Amino acid sequence: MDTNDSLRVASLWHLMHAISQQLSPTTGCSEIELLEADTFDLHIFQSLTGTKLFVVCEPGTQHMEALLKVIYELYTDYVLNNPFYETKIPIRCELFDINLTQAIQKDRVALLGR
């Protein structure tokens, strides 16, 4: 996805998340964690600070919750500690990108057993 598509998906997801909290028949329902579709799964992780991260993957992909937690750790280590980062804009941090790619490759290798 390009940046504009990512922003659109994030905006839609944020809206669905807010609506689901209001429409939930269960009191205390706090968030959607997984949206399953025919062609993709969308997993979300919301930190205690309210930061939401999501990943779009193939249906049935395992261990996305753990991967999202690793991504959040990378976000806090490399993005939030970057003095040039401004909230509410797309992340542009080379160290974050490098470590994110490594984490995804490591997760892929672990899943495939290679």
PDB file of N, CA and C in Angstrom:
ATOM      1  N   MET A   1       0.841  -1.183   0.000  1.00  0.00           N
ATOM      2  CA  MET A   1       0.000   0.000   0.000  1.00  0.00           C
ATOM      3  C   MET A   1       0.881   1.240   0.000  1.00  0.00           C
ATOM      4  N   ASP A   2       0.426   2.255  -0.697  1.00  0.00           N
ATOM      5  CA  ASP A   2       1.154   3.516  -0.628  1.00  0.00           C
ATOM      6  C   ASP A   2       0.677   4.293   0.604  1.00  0.00           C
ATOM      7  N   THR A   3       1.274   5.427   0.860  1.00  0.00           N
ATOM      8  CA  THR A   3       0.976   6.203   2.065  1.00  0.00           C
ATOM      9  C   THR A   3      -0.488   6.616   2.134  1.00  0.00           C
ATOM     10  N   ASN A   4      -1.049   7.061   1.019  1.00  0.00           N
ATOM     11  CA  ASN A   4      -2.456   7.490   1.026  1.00  0.00           C
ATOM     12  C   ASN A   4      -3.397   6.335   1.338  1.00  0.00           C
ATOM     13  N   ASP A   5      -3.137   5.166   0.747  1.00  0.00           N
ATOM     14  CA  ASP A   5      -3.968   3.999   1.049  1.00  0.00           C
ATOM     15  C   ASP A   5      -3.852   3.602   2.514  1.00  0.00           C
ATOM     16  N   SER A   6      -2.643   3.664   3.046  1.00  0.00           N
ATOM     17  CA  SER A   6      -2.445   3.334   4.463  1.00  0.00           C
ATOM     18  C   SER A   6      -3.212   4.292   5.365  1.00  0.00           C
ATOM     19  N   LEU A   7      -3.183   5.574   5.026  1.00  0.00           N
ATOM     20  CA  LEU A   7      -3.920   6.559   5.817  1.00  0.00           C
ATOM     21  C   LEU A   7      -5.425   6.337   5.727  1.00  0.00           C
ATOM     22  N   ARG A   8      -5.920   5.968   4.549  1.00  0.00           N
ATOM     23  CA  ARG A   8      -7.352   5.676   4.399  1.00  0.00           C
ATOM     24  C   ARG A   8      -7.765   4.476   5.237  1.00  0.00           C
ATOM     25  N   VAL A   9      -6.979   3.407   5.183  1.00  0.00           N
ATOM     26  CA  VAL A   9      -7.292   2.213   5.973  1.00  0.00           C
ATOM     27  C   VAL A   9      -7.253   2.540   7.465  1.00  0.00           C
ATOM     28  N   ALA A  10      -6.246   3.283   7.881  1.00  0.00           N
ATOM     29  CA  ALA A  10      -6.143   3.653   9.298  1.00  0.00           C
ATOM     30  C   ALA A  10      -7.334   4.499   9.739  1.00  0.00           C
ATOM     31  N   SER A  11      -7.761   5.429   8.902  1.00  0.00           N
ATOM     32  CA  SER A  11      -8.913   6.281   9.242  1.00  0.00           C
ATOM     33  C   SER A  11     -10.188   5.458   9.339  1.00  0.00           C
ATOM     34  N   LEU A  12     -10.394   4.566   8.380  1.00  0.00           N
ATOM     35  CA  LEU A  12     -11.579   3.708   8.418  1.00  0.00           C
ATOM     36  C   LEU A  12     -11.564   2.803   9.640  1.00  0.00           C
ATOM     37  N   TRP A  13     -10.393   2.251   9.933  1.00  0.00           N
ATOM     38  CA  TRP A  13     -10.283   1.358  11.088  1.00  0.00           C
ATOM     39  C   TRP A  13     -10.560   2.117  12.379  1.00  0.00           C
ATOM     40  N   HIS A  14     -10.044   3.314  12.504  1.00  0.00           N
ATOM     41  CA  HIS A  14     -10.283   4.127  13.699  1.00  0.00           C
ATOM     42  C   HIS A  14     -11.785   4.393  13.865  1.00  0.00           C
ATOM     43  N   LEU A  15     -12.457   4.710  12.767  1.00  0.00           N
ATOM     44  CA  LEU A  15     -13.899   4.962  12.804  1.00  0.00           C
ATOM     45  C   LEU A  15     -14.666   3.700  13.193  1.00  0.00           C
ATOM     46  N   MET A  16     -14.327   2.565  12.584  1.00  0.00           N
ATOM     47  CA  MET A  16     -15.002   1.299  12.935  1.00  0.00           C
ATOM     48  C   MET A  16     -14.763   0.951  14.394  1.00  0.00           C
ATOM     49  N   HIS A  17     -13.576   1.205  14.875  1.00  0.00           N
ATOM     50  CA  HIS A  17     -13.238   0.927  16.268  1.00  0.00           C
ATOM     51  C   HIS A  17     -14.114   1.754  17.208  1.00  0.00           C
ATOM     52  N   ALA A  18     -14.256   3.032  16.908  1.00  0.00           N
ATOM     53  CA  ALA A  18     -15.071   3.914  17.749  1.00  0.00           C
ATOM     54  C   ALA A  18     -16.546   3.515  17.712  1.00  0.00           C
ATOM     55  N   ILE A  19     -17.053   3.193  16.539  1.00  0.00           N
ATOM     56  CA  ILE A  19     -18.462   2.790  16.409  1.00  0.00           C
ATOM     57  C   ILE A  19     -18.711   1.472  17.135  1.00  0.00           C
ATOM     58  N   SER A  20     -17.780   0.524  17.018  1.00  0.00           N
ATOM     59  CA  SER A  20     -17.973  -0.782  17.658  1.00  0.00           C
ATOM     60  C   SER A  20     -18.067  -0.664  19.175  1.00  0.00           C
ATOM     61  N   GLN A  21     -17.332   0.265  19.753  1.00  0.00           N
ATOM     62  CA  GLN A  21     -17.406   0.457  21.200  1.00  0.00           C
ATOM     63  C   GLN A  21     -18.799   0.926  21.616  1.00  0.00           C
ATOM     64  N   GLN A  22     -19.423   1.773  20.794  1.00  0.00           N
ATOM     65  CA  GLN A  22     -20.748   2.298  21.117  1.00  0.00           C
ATOM     66  C   GLN A  22     -21.846   1.278  20.866  1.00  0.00           C
ATOM     67  N   LEU A  23     -21.650   0.398  19.855  1.00  0.00           N
ATOM     68  CA  LEU A  23     -22.690  -0.551  19.478  1.00  0.00           C
ATOM     69  C   LEU A  23     -22.584  -1.904  20.170  1.00  0.00           C
ATOM     70  N   SER A  24     -21.517  -2.128  20.883  1.00  0.00           N
ATOM     71  CA  SER A  24     -21.291  -3.433  21.493  1.00  0.00           C
ATOM     72  C   SER A  24     -22.387  -3.763  22.502  1.00  0.00           C
ATOM     73  N   PRO A  25     -22.951  -4.980  22.414  1.00  0.00           N
ATOM     74  CA  PRO A  25     -23.963  -5.377  23.403  1.00  0.00           C
ATOM     75  C   PRO A  25     -23.348  -5.714  24.754  1.00  0.00           C
ATOM     76  N   THR A  26     -22.025  -5.856  24.793  1.00  0.00           N
ATOM     77  CA  THR A  26     -21.323  -6.198  26.018  1.00  0.00           C
ATOM     78  C   THR A  26     -20.764  -4.925  26.649  1.00  0.00           C
ATOM     79  N   THR A  27     -21.094  -4.691  27.896  1.00  0.00           N
ATOM     80  CA  THR A  27     -20.540  -3.518  28.565  1.00  0.00           C
ATOM     81  C   THR A  27     -19.059  -3.744  28.820  1.00  0.00           C
ATOM     82  N   GLY A  28     -18.298  -2.693  28.716  1.00  0.00           N
ATOM     83  CA  GLY A  28     -16.863  -2.795  28.940  1.00  0.00           C
ATOM     84  C   GLY A  28     -16.079  -3.250  27.731  1.00  0.00           C
ATOM     85  N   CYS A  29     -16.737  -3.424  26.597  1.00  0.00           N
ATOM     86  CA  CYS A  29     -16.027  -3.799  25.375  1.00  0.00           C
ATOM     87  C   CYS A  29     -15.111  -2.636  24.993  1.00  0.00           C
ATOM     88  N   SER A  30     -13.832  -2.928  24.817  1.00  0.00           N
ATOM     89  CA  SER A  30     -12.901  -1.825  24.615  1.00  0.00           C
ATOM     90  C   SER A  30     -12.379  -1.703  23.194  1.00  0.00           C
ATOM     91  N   GLU A  31     -12.286  -2.784  22.465  1.00  0.00           N
ATOM     92  CA  GLU A  31     -11.682  -2.656  21.152  1.00  0.00           C
ATOM     93  C   GLU A  31     -11.919  -3.890  20.281  1.00  0.00           C
ATOM     94  N   ILE A  32     -11.766  -3.674  18.983  1.00  0.00           N
ATOM     95  CA  ILE A  32     -11.737  -4.770  18.022  1.00  0.00           C
ATOM     96  C   ILE A  32     -10.279  -5.192  17.904  1.00  0.00           C
ATOM     97  N   GLU A  33     -10.018  -6.469  17.969  1.00  0.00           N
ATOM     98  CA  GLU A  33      -8.652  -6.949  17.843  1.00  0.00           C
ATOM     99  C   GLU A  33      -8.387  -7.606  16.497  1.00  0.00           C
ATOM    100  N   LEU A  34      -9.452  -8.080  15.826  1.00  0.00           N
ATOM    101  CA  LEU A  34      -9.273  -8.804  14.577  1.00  0.00           C
ATOM    102  C   LEU A  34     -10.485  -8.614  13.685  1.00  0.00           C
ATOM    103  N   LEU A  35     -10.224  -8.316  12.429  1.00  0.00           N
ATOM    104  CA  LEU A  35     -11.259  -8.268  11.410  1.00  0.00           C
ATOM    105  C   LEU A  35     -10.901  -9.327  10.374  1.00  0.00           C
ATOM    106  N   GLU A  36     -11.777 -10.324  10.224  1.00  0.00           N
ATOM    107  CA  GLU A  36     -11.516 -11.404   9.274  1.00  0.00           C
ATOM    108  C   GLU A  36     -12.377 -11.207   8.038  1.00  0.00           C
ATOM    109  N   ALA A  37     -11.734 -11.217   6.882  1.00  0.00           N
ATOM    110  CA  ALA A  37     -12.429 -11.118   5.600  1.00  0.00           C
ATOM    111  C   ALA A  37     -12.051 -12.332   4.759  1.00  0.00           C
ATOM    112  N   ASP A  38     -12.662 -12.452   3.592  1.00  0.00           N
ATOM    113  CA  ASP A  38     -12.362 -13.588   2.729  1.00  0.00           C
ATOM    114  C   ASP A  38     -10.926 -13.569   2.223  1.00  0.00           C
ATOM    115  N   THR A  39     -10.405 -12.393   1.945  1.00  0.00           N
ATOM    116  CA  THR A  39      -9.092 -12.294   1.296  1.00  0.00           C
ATOM    117  C   THR A  39      -7.991 -11.769   2.206  1.00  0.00           C
ATOM    118  N   PHE A  40      -8.314 -11.320   3.415  1.00  0.00           N
ATOM    119  CA  PHE A  40      -7.293 -10.798   4.326  1.00  0.00           C
ATOM    120  C   PHE A  40      -7.804 -10.818   5.760  1.00  0.00           C
ATOM    121  N   ASP A  41      -6.874 -10.744   6.691  1.00  0.00           N
ATOM    122  CA  ASP A  41      -7.167 -10.509   8.109  1.00  0.00           C
ATOM    123  C   ASP A  41      -6.522  -9.189   8.484  1.00  0.00           C
ATOM    124  N   LEU A  42      -7.178  -8.421   9.328  1.00  0.00           N
ATOM    125  CA  LEU A  42      -6.627  -7.167   9.817  1.00  0.00           C
ATOM    126  C   LEU A  42      -6.555  -7.268  11.333  1.00  0.00           C
ATOM    127  N   HIS A  43      -5.338  -7.292  11.864  1.00  0.00           N
ATOM    128  CA  HIS A  43      -5.106  -7.390  13.303  1.00  0.00           C
ATOM    129  C   HIS A  43      -4.750  -6.001  13.826  1.00  0.00           C
ATOM    130  N   ILE A  44      -5.186  -5.707  15.056  1.00  0.00           N
ATOM    131  CA  ILE A  44      -4.877  -4.413  15.650  1.00  0.00           C
ATOM    132  C   ILE A  44      -4.311  -4.601  17.051  1.00  0.00           C
ATOM    133  N   PHE A  45      -3.420  -3.698  17.404  1.00  0.00           N
ATOM    134  CA  PHE A  45      -2.870  -3.629  18.754  1.00  0.00           C
ATOM    135  C   PHE A  45      -3.012  -2.197  19.223  1.00  0.00           C
ATOM    136  N   GLN A  46      -3.639  -2.014  20.378  1.00  0.00           N
ATOM    137  CA  GLN A  46      -3.752  -0.677  20.954  1.00  0.00           C
ATOM    138  C   GLN A  46      -2.951  -0.649  22.238  1.00  0.00           C
ATOM    139  N   SER A  47      -1.988   0.273  22.299  1.00  0.00           N
ATOM    140  CA  SER A  47      -1.138   0.393  23.486  1.00  0.00           C
ATOM    141  C   SER A  47      -1.901   1.097  24.603  1.00  0.00           C
ATOM    142  N   LEU A  48      -1.314   1.098  25.773  1.00  0.00           N
ATOM    143  CA  LEU A  48      -1.929   1.782  26.907  1.00  0.00           C
ATOM    144  C   LEU A  48      -2.009   3.287  26.685  1.00  0.00           C
ATOM    145  N   THR A  49      -1.147   3.808  25.825  1.00  0.00           N
ATOM    146  CA  THR A  49      -1.162   5.242  25.532  1.00  0.00           C
ATOM    147  C   THR A  49      -2.177   5.605  24.450  1.00  0.00           C
ATOM    148  N   GLY A  50      -2.832   4.590  23.864  1.00  0.00           N
ATOM    149  CA  GLY A  50      -3.833   4.839  22.837  1.00  0.00           C
ATOM    150  C   GLY A  50      -3.315   4.718  21.418  1.00  0.00           C
ATOM    151  N   THR A  51      -2.020   4.496  21.251  1.00  0.00           N
ATOM    152  CA  THR A  51      -1.469   4.299  19.912  1.00  0.00           C
ATOM    153  C   THR A  51      -1.995   2.998  19.343  1.00  0.00           C
ATOM    154  N   LYS A  52      -2.500   3.066  18.108  1.00  0.00           N
ATOM    155  CA  LYS A  52      -3.026   1.873  17.450  1.00  0.00           C
ATOM    156  C   LYS A  52      -2.112   1.476  16.303  1.00  0.00           C
ATOM    157  N   LEU A  53      -1.734   0.217  16.276  1.00  0.00           N
ATOM    158  CA  LEU A  53      -0.966  -0.350  15.175  1.00  0.00           C
ATOM    159  C   LEU A  53      -1.795  -1.463  14.566  1.00  0.00           C
ATOM    160  N   PHE A  54      -1.748  -1.574  13.247  1.00  0.00           N
ATOM    161  CA  PHE A  54      -2.451  -2.680  12.634  1.00  0.00           C
ATOM    162  C   PHE A  54      -1.625  -3.285  11.528  1.00  0.00           C
ATOM    163  N   VAL A  55      -1.941  -4.551  11.243  1.00  0.00           N
ATOM    164  CA  VAL A  55      -1.250  -5.273  10.179  1.00  0.00           C
ATOM    165  C   VAL A  55      -2.302  -6.008   9.345  1.00  0.00           C
ATOM    166  N   VAL A  56      -2.144  -5.924   8.045  1.00  0.00           N
ATOM    167  CA  VAL A  56      -2.998  -6.644   7.105  1.00  0.00           C
ATOM    168  C   VAL A  56      -2.214  -7.859   6.650  1.00  0.00           C
ATOM    169  N   CYS A  57      -2.820  -9.050   6.755  1.00  0.00           N
ATOM    170  CA  CYS A  57      -2.104 -10.278   6.400  1.00  0.00           C
ATOM    171  C   CYS A  57      -3.058 -11.267   5.736  1.00  0.00           C
ATOM    172  N   GLU A  58      -2.496 -12.367   5.286  1.00  0.00           N
ATOM    173  CA  GLU A  58      -3.302 -13.405   4.672  1.00  0.00           C
ATOM    174  C   GLU A  58      -4.216 -14.027   5.726  1.00  0.00           C
ATOM    175  N   PRO A  59      -5.380 -14.506   5.310  1.00  0.00           N
ATOM    176  CA  PRO A  59      -6.298 -15.117   6.274  1.00  0.00           C
ATOM    177  C   PRO A  59      -5.641 -16.280   7.019  1.00  0.00           C
ATOM    178  N   GLY A  60      -5.860 -16.305   8.324  1.00  0.00           N
ATOM    179  CA  GLY A  60      -5.360 -17.400   9.148  1.00  0.00           C
ATOM    180  C   GLY A  60      -3.907 -17.287   9.562  1.00  0.00           C
ATOM    181  N   THR A  61      -3.238 -16.194   9.245  1.00  0.00           N
ATOM    182  CA  THR A  61      -1.834 -16.031   9.642  1.00  0.00           C
ATOM    183  C   THR A  61      -1.749 -16.004  11.165  1.00  0.00           C
ATOM    184  N   GLN A  62      -0.838 -16.788  11.702  1.00  0.00           N
ATOM    185  CA  GLN A  62      -0.698 -16.922  13.155  1.00  0.00           C
ATOM    186  C   GLN A  62       0.321 -15.937  13.714  1.00  0.00           C
ATOM    187  N   HIS A  63       0.277 -15.711  15.009  1.00  0.00           N
ATOM    188  CA  HIS A  63       1.260 -14.957  15.785  1.00  0.00           C
ATOM    189  C   HIS A  63       1.301 -13.465  15.457  1.00  0.00           C
ATOM    190  N   MET A  64       0.239 -12.909  14.928  1.00  0.00           N
ATOM    191  CA  MET A  64       0.239 -11.484  14.594  1.00  0.00           C
ATOM    192  C   MET A  64       0.219 -10.616  15.843  1.00  0.00           C
ATOM    193  N   GLU A  65      -0.402 -11.087  16.919  1.00  0.00           N
ATOM    194  CA  GLU A  65      -0.433 -10.307  18.153  1.00  0.00           C
ATOM    195  C   GLU A  65       0.982 -10.103  18.680  1.00  0.00           C
ATOM    196  N   ALA A  66       1.781 -11.172  18.657  1.00  0.00           N
ATOM    197  CA  ALA A  66       3.163 -11.069  19.124  1.00  0.00           C
ATOM    198  C   ALA A  66       3.969 -10.155  18.207  1.00  0.00           C
ATOM    199  N   LEU A  67       3.760 -10.263  16.911  1.00  0.00           N
ATOM    200  CA  LEU A  67       4.473  -9.403  15.973  1.00  0.00           C
ATOM    201  C   LEU A  67       4.096  -7.938  16.187  1.00  0.00           C
ATOM    202  N   LEU A  68       2.824  -7.663  16.437  1.00  0.00           N
ATOM    203  CA  LEU A  68       2.398  -6.284  16.684  1.00  0.00           C
ATOM    204  C   LEU A  68       3.041  -5.716  17.945  1.00  0.00           C
ATOM    205  N   LYS A  69       3.220  -6.535  18.948  1.00  0.00           N
ATOM    206  CA  LYS A  69       3.892  -6.073  20.168  1.00  0.00           C
ATOM    207  C   LYS A  69       5.359  -5.760  19.893  1.00  0.00           C
ATOM    208  N   VAL A  70       6.008  -6.566  19.063  1.00  0.00           N
ATOM    209  CA  VAL A  70       7.396  -6.292  18.676  1.00  0.00           C
ATOM    210  C   VAL A  70       7.459  -4.983  17.891  1.00  0.00           C
ATOM    211  N   ILE A  71       6.513  -4.787  16.982  1.00  0.00           N
ATOM    212  CA  ILE A  71       6.475  -3.554  16.199  1.00  0.00           C
ATOM    213  C   ILE A  71       6.284  -2.354  17.112  1.00  0.00           C
ATOM    214  N   TYR A  72       5.440  -2.482  18.124  1.00  0.00           N
ATOM    215  CA  TYR A  72       5.245  -1.373  19.066  1.00  0.00           C
ATOM    216  C   TYR A  72       6.533  -1.071  19.831  1.00  0.00           C
ATOM    217  N   GLU A  73       7.257  -2.117  20.231  1.00  0.00           N
ATOM    218  CA  GLU A  73       8.536  -1.899  20.906  1.00  0.00           C
ATOM    219  C   GLU A  73       9.508  -1.154  19.999  1.00  0.00           C
ATOM    220  N   LEU A  74       9.554  -1.532  18.725  1.00  0.00           N
ATOM    221  CA  LEU A  74      10.411  -0.833  17.760  1.00  0.00           C
ATOM    222  C   LEU A  74       9.960   0.620  17.609  1.00  0.00           C
ATOM    223  N   TYR A  75       8.656   0.829  17.588  1.00  0.00           N
ATOM    224  CA  TYR A  75       8.096   2.181  17.481  1.00  0.00           C
ATOM    225  C   TYR A  75       8.553   3.045  18.654  1.00  0.00           C
ATOM    226  N   THR A  76       8.472   2.494  19.858  1.00  0.00           N
ATOM    227  CA  THR A  76       8.885   3.278  21.019  1.00  0.00           C
ATOM    228  C   THR A  76      10.389   3.505  21.044  1.00  0.00           C
ATOM    229  N   ASP A  77      11.154   2.507  20.607  1.00  0.00           N
ATOM    230  CA  ASP A  77      12.615   2.631  20.624  1.00  0.00           C
ATOM    231  C   ASP A  77      13.146   3.602  19.576  1.00  0.00           C
ATOM    232  N   TYR A  78      12.593   3.543  18.363  1.00  0.00           N
ATOM    233  CA  TYR A  78      13.187   4.292  17.257  1.00  0.00           C
ATOM    234  C   TYR A  78      12.394   5.526  16.825  1.00  0.00           C
ATOM    235  N   VAL A  79      11.093   5.470  16.912  1.00  0.00           N
ATOM    236  CA  VAL A  79      10.298   6.601  16.435  1.00  0.00           C
ATOM    237  C   VAL A  79      10.090   7.627  17.538  1.00  0.00           C
ATOM    238  N   LEU A  80       9.609   7.185  18.682  1.00  0.00           N
ATOM    239  CA  LEU A  80       9.337   8.132  19.758  1.00  0.00           C
ATOM    240  C   LEU A  80      10.610   8.772  20.313  1.00  0.00           C
ATOM    241  N   ASN A  81      11.729   8.088  20.183  1.00  0.00           N
ATOM    242  CA  ASN A  81      12.999   8.658  20.644  1.00  0.00           C
ATOM    243  C   ASN A  81      13.671   9.530  19.588  1.00  0.00           C
ATOM    244  N   ASN A  82      13.053   9.631  18.419  1.00  0.00           N
ATOM    245  CA  ASN A  82      13.590  10.461  17.347  1.00  0.00           C
ATOM    246  C   ASN A  82      13.130  11.905  17.576  1.00  0.00           C
ATOM    247  N   PRO A  83      14.049  12.832  17.788  1.00  0.00           N
ATOM    248  CA  PRO A  83      13.647  14.215  18.082  1.00  0.00           C
ATOM    249  C   PRO A  83      12.960  14.920  16.904  1.00  0.00           C
ATOM    250  N   PHE A  84      13.087  14.369  15.696  1.00  0.00           N
ATOM    251  CA  PHE A  84      12.494  14.996  14.522  1.00  0.00           C
ATOM    252  C   PHE A  84      11.106  14.449  14.191  1.00  0.00           C
ATOM    253  N   TYR A  85      10.663  13.416  14.921  1.00  0.00           N
ATOM    254  CA  TYR A  85       9.360  12.812  14.649  1.00  0.00           C
ATOM    255  C   TYR A  85       8.247  13.708  15.177  1.00  0.00           C
ATOM    256  N   GLU A  86       7.215  13.870  14.363  1.00  0.00           N
ATOM    257  CA  GLU A  86       6.010  14.591  14.777  1.00  0.00           C
ATOM    258  C   GLU A  86       4.844  13.615  14.743  1.00  0.00           C
ATOM    259  N   THR A  87       4.037  13.628  15.801  1.00  0.00           N
ATOM    260  CA  THR A  87       2.887  12.733  15.836  1.00  0.00           C
ATOM    261  C   THR A  87       1.887  13.112  14.752  1.00  0.00           C
ATOM    262  N   LYS A  88       1.056  12.186  14.400  1.00  0.00           N
ATOM    263  CA  LYS A  88      -0.020  12.373  13.423  1.00  0.00           C
ATOM    264  C   LYS A  88       0.484  12.508  11.977  1.00  0.00           C
ATOM    265  N   ILE A  89       1.727  12.174  11.721  1.00  0.00           N
ATOM    266  CA  ILE A  89       2.228  12.160  10.344  1.00  0.00           C
ATOM    267  C   ILE A  89       2.815  10.776  10.082  1.00  0.00           C
ATOM    268  N   PRO A  90       2.910  10.368   8.818  1.00  0.00           N
ATOM    269  CA  PRO A  90       3.515   9.060   8.522  1.00  0.00           C
ATOM    270  C   PRO A  90       4.937   8.971   9.083  1.00  0.00           C
ATOM    271  N   ILE A  91       5.301   7.796   9.517  1.00  0.00           N
ATOM    272  CA  ILE A  91       6.613   7.572  10.124  1.00  0.00           C
ATOM    273  C   ILE A  91       7.677   7.567   9.031  1.00  0.00           C
ATOM    274  N   ARG A  92       8.679   8.395   9.209  1.00  0.00           N
ATOM    275  CA  ARG A  92       9.828   8.453   8.304  1.00  0.00           C
ATOM    276  C   ARG A  92      11.086   8.347   9.167  1.00  0.00           C
ATOM    277  N   CYS A  93      11.474   7.113   9.473  1.00  0.00           N
ATOM    278  CA  CYS A  93      12.623   6.872  10.343  1.00  0.00           C
ATOM    279  C   CYS A  93      13.363   5.649   9.813  1.00  0.00           C
ATOM    280  N   GLU A  94      14.562   5.860   9.315  1.00  0.00           N
ATOM    281  CA  GLU A  94      15.321   4.790   8.669  1.00  0.00           C
ATOM    282  C   GLU A  94      15.614   3.627   9.614  1.00  0.00           C
ATOM    283  N   LEU A  95      16.009   3.923  10.854  1.00  0.00           N
ATOM    284  CA  LEU A  95      16.305   2.847  11.814  1.00  0.00           C
ATOM    285  C   LEU A  95      15.062   2.020  12.121  1.00  0.00           C
ATOM    286  N   PHE A  96      13.922   2.675  12.227  1.00  0.00           N
ATOM    287  CA  PHE A  96      12.667   1.950  12.438  1.00  0.00           C
ATOM    288  C   PHE A  96      12.391   1.041  11.249  1.00  0.00           C
ATOM    289  N   ASP A  97      12.526   1.569  10.037  1.00  0.00           N
ATOM    290  CA  ASP A  97      12.273   0.773   8.829  1.00  0.00           C
ATOM    291  C   ASP A  97      13.182  -0.451   8.753  1.00  0.00           C
ATOM    292  N   ILE A  98      14.456  -0.262   9.041  1.00  0.00           N
ATOM    293  CA  ILE A  98      15.417  -1.368   8.985  1.00  0.00           C
ATOM    294  C   ILE A  98      15.057  -2.447  10.001  1.00  0.00           C
ATOM    295  N   ASN A  99      14.800  -2.033  11.237  1.00  0.00           N
ATOM    296  CA  ASN A  99      14.485  -3.002  12.291  1.00  0.00           C
ATOM    297  C   ASN A  99      13.117  -3.640  12.093  1.00  0.00           C
ATOM    298  N   LEU A 100      12.177  -2.906  11.526  1.00  0.00           N
ATOM    299  CA  LEU A 100      10.864  -3.470  11.214  1.00  0.00           C
ATOM    300  C   LEU A 100      10.996  -4.558  10.156  1.00  0.00           C
ATOM    301  N   THR A 101      11.765  -4.287   9.113  1.00  0.00           N
ATOM    302  CA  THR A 101      11.996  -5.286   8.068  1.00  0.00           C
ATOM    303  C   THR A 101      12.643  -6.537   8.650  1.00  0.00           C
ATOM    304  N   GLN A 102      13.622  -6.358   9.527  1.00  0.00           N
ATOM    305  CA  GLN A 102      14.280  -7.503  10.155  1.00  0.00           C
ATOM    306  C   GLN A 102      13.306  -8.303  11.023  1.00  0.00           C
ATOM    307  N   ALA A 103      12.441  -7.622  11.763  1.00  0.00           N
ATOM    308  CA  ALA A 103      11.475  -8.310  12.627  1.00  0.00           C
ATOM    309  C   ALA A 103      10.483  -9.107  11.796  1.00  0.00           C
ATOM    310  N   ILE A 104      10.038  -8.544  10.690  1.00  0.00           N
ATOM    311  CA  ILE A 104       9.086  -9.248   9.829  1.00  0.00           C
ATOM    312  C   ILE A 104       9.752 -10.451   9.178  1.00  0.00           C
ATOM    313  N   GLN A 105      10.992 -10.293   8.714  1.00  0.00           N
ATOM    314  CA  GLN A 105      11.720 -11.409   8.119  1.00  0.00           C
ATOM    315  C   GLN A 105      11.955 -12.509   9.151  1.00  0.00           C
ATOM    316  N   LYS A 106      12.309 -12.122  10.362  1.00  0.00           N
ATOM    317  CA  LYS A 106      12.530 -13.098  11.436  1.00  0.00           C
ATOM    318  C   LYS A 106      11.240 -13.861  11.732  1.00  0.00           C
ATOM    319  N   ASP A 107      10.116 -13.135  11.785  1.00  0.00           N
ATOM    320  CA  ASP A 107       8.825 -13.767  12.034  1.00  0.00           C
ATOM    321  C   ASP A 107       8.472 -14.711  10.893  1.00  0.00           C
ATOM    322  N   ARG A 108       8.712 -14.297   9.671  1.00  0.00           N
ATOM    323  CA  ARG A 108       8.423 -15.139   8.503  1.00  0.00           C
ATOM    324  C   ARG A 108       9.259 -16.407   8.535  1.00  0.00           C
ATOM    325  N   VAL A 109      10.533 -16.288   8.877  1.00  0.00           N
ATOM    326  CA  VAL A 109      11.418 -17.450   8.955  1.00  0.00           C
ATOM    327  C   VAL A 109      10.934 -18.397  10.055  1.00  0.00           C
ATOM    328  N   ALA A 110      10.529 -17.834  11.185  1.00  0.00           N
ATOM    329  CA  ALA A 110      10.039 -18.681  12.291  1.00  0.00           C
ATOM    330  C   ALA A 110       8.768 -19.409  11.887  1.00  0.00           C
ATOM    331  N   LEU A 111       7.869 -18.734  11.158  1.00  0.00           N
ATOM    332  CA  LEU A 111       6.629 -19.366  10.740  1.00  0.00           C
ATOM    333  C   LEU A 111       6.868 -20.469   9.712  1.00  0.00           C
ATOM    334  N   LEU A 112       7.803 -20.235   8.797  1.00  0.00           N
ATOM    335  CA  LEU A 112       8.066 -21.209   7.754  1.00  0.00           C
ATOM    336  C   LEU A 112       9.033 -22.296   8.199  1.00  0.00           C
ATOM    337  N   GLY A 113       9.680 -22.089   9.332  1.00  0.00           N
ATOM    338  CA  GLY A 113      10.601 -23.075   9.846  1.00  0.00           C
ATOM    339  C   GLY A 113      11.903 -23.159   9.053  1.00  0.00           C
ATOM    340  N   ARG A 114      12.309 -22.030   8.455  1.00  0.00           N
ATOM    341  CA  ARG A 114      13.530 -22.009   7.664  1.00  0.00           C
ATOM    342  C   ARG A 114      14.558 -21.119   8.291  1.00  0.00           C
TER     343      ARG A 114
END
